[in-house]
Structures are given as structure tokens and as C-alpha cells.
């Protein structure tokens, strides 16, 4: 990942509202309840099992990805607050 991309991830981490909104949208694609609601009624158990594994696996990969994204945080420059006049 290049420096510009890393800087953009730092900006994303500085905006928790945006980060949570992105998570919500992406995780909704792996919400098993929503997926099942939109399925045809004649789905057999094997297909349902495959869909379930896909949803769980996809959500786990997203979690791992967001952990990596959250590792890109700005390093705050700490000022030396020691008073040299004392």
C-alpha cells in the first residue's frame, strides 16, 4: 500500500461516523436474515448451508479487513511539556 492510500485510511479512522456507516453497509450484505428473506422458497438444505457458510465467511473477512484498516491511525506528535525554565 502506498503512502497516499495509508494517509486516506488514517483520515477514515479520524472519522468514526463514516467508518461505522461503511461497516454497516458492507456487513448488511452478509446479514443472513436479509439474504434468506430475498431467497426463493424452493431452496434446498445444501444451498442454504452454502449460503450460510458464505455469509459467515464473508463477515469474518470483513472483520479482519476492518481491523487492518483501524491499524492505520495517525501518530500524534507529542510536545515535550517539560518546562526547561524550572
Protein backbone atom coordinates (compact mmCIF):
# COMPACT_ATOMS: atom_id res chain seq x y z
CA UNK A 1 0.00 0.00 0.00
CA UNK A 2 1.43 3.36 -0.95
CA UNK A 3 1.74 6.38 1.32
CA UNK A 4 -1.26 8.19 -0.18
CA UNK A 5 -3.51 5.18 0.46
CA UNK A 6 -2.22 4.93 4.02
CA UNK A 7 -2.98 8.61 4.58
CA UNK A 8 -6.53 8.10 3.32
CA UNK A 9 -7.01 5.22 5.77
CA UNK A 10 -5.75 7.46 8.57
CA UNK A 11 -8.36 10.06 7.57
CA UNK A 12 -11.05 7.39 7.58
CA UNK A 13 -10.05 6.38 11.11
CA UNK A 14 -10.27 10.02 12.16
CA UNK A 15 -13.95 9.97 11.14
CA UNK A 16 -15.61 7.25 13.26
CA UNK A 17 -19.10 8.12 11.99
CA UNK A 18 -18.06 7.48 8.40
CA UNK A 19 -16.20 4.31 9.35
CA UNK A 20 -19.25 2.92 11.17
CA UNK A 21 -21.53 3.82 8.24
CA UNK A 22 -19.25 1.97 5.83
CA UNK A 23 -19.18 -1.05 8.14
CA UNK A 24 -22.96 -1.05 8.39
CA UNK A 25 -23.41 -1.00 4.62
CA UNK A 26 -20.85 -3.72 3.96
CA UNK A 27 -21.91 -6.02 6.79
CA UNK A 28 -25.54 -5.75 5.68
CA UNK A 29 -24.56 -7.64 2.52
CA UNK A 30 -23.67 -10.64 4.71
CA UNK A 31 -26.70 -10.47 7.01
CA UNK A 32 -28.12 -13.96 6.78
CA UNK A 33 -31.62 -12.80 7.75
CA UNK A 34 -31.73 -10.39 4.81
CA UNK A 35 -30.29 -12.93 2.40
CA UNK A 36 -32.85 -15.56 3.41
CA UNK A 37 -35.72 -13.07 3.09
CA UNK A 38 -34.78 -12.46 -0.54
CA UNK A 39 -34.39 -16.14 -1.45
CA UNK A 40 -36.79 -18.28 -3.40
CA UNK A 41 -38.86 -20.65 -1.28
CA UNK A 42 -37.65 -23.79 -3.05
CA UNK A 43 -34.04 -23.63 -1.85
CA UNK A 44 -32.81 -26.97 -0.58
CA UNK A 45 -30.75 -27.52 2.57
CA UNK A 46 -27.46 -27.89 0.71
CA UNK A 47 -27.83 -24.50 -0.97
CA UNK A 48 -28.96 -22.94 2.31
CA UNK A 49 -25.86 -24.36 4.00
CA UNK A 50 -23.61 -22.94 1.29
CA UNK A 51 -25.23 -19.54 1.63
CA UNK A 52 -24.87 -19.65 5.40
CA UNK A 53 -21.16 -20.52 5.18
CA UNK A 54 -20.66 -17.76 2.61
CA UNK A 55 -22.33 -15.15 4.80
CA UNK A 56 -20.35 -16.15 7.88
CA UNK A 57 -17.08 -16.37 5.94
CA UNK A 58 -17.65 -13.03 4.23
CA UNK A 59 -18.44 -11.30 7.52
CA UNK A 60 -15.28 -12.75 9.09
CA UNK A 61 -13.15 -11.50 6.20
CA UNK A 62 -14.71 -8.05 6.56
CA UNK A 63 -13.90 -8.03 10.29
CA UNK A 64 -10.27 -8.87 9.52
CA UNK A 65 -10.14 -6.15 6.87
CA UNK A 66 -11.55 -3.52 9.21
CA UNK A 67 -9.05 -4.50 11.92
CA UNK A 68 -6.29 -3.86 9.39
CA UNK A 69 -7.86 -0.53 8.37
CA UNK A 70 -8.14 0.51 12.02
CA UNK A 71 -4.42 -0.13 12.48
CA UNK A 72 -3.74 2.92 10.27
CA UNK A 73 -4.02 5.64 12.86
CA UNK A 74 -2.26 8.95 12.88
CA UNK A 75 0.65 9.11 15.24
CA UNK A 76 0.16 12.25 17.26
CA UNK A 77 3.25 14.34 17.78
CA UNK A 78 3.64 14.78 21.48
CA UNK A 79 5.11 18.08 22.54
CA UNK A 80 7.62 17.95 25.31
CA UNK A 81 5.74 19.70 28.08
CA UNK A 82 8.75 19.84 30.35
CA UNK A 83 9.42 23.38 31.43
CA UNK A 84 13.13 23.91 30.92
CA UNK A 85 12.98 27.16 32.88
CA UNK A 86 12.40 25.33 36.17
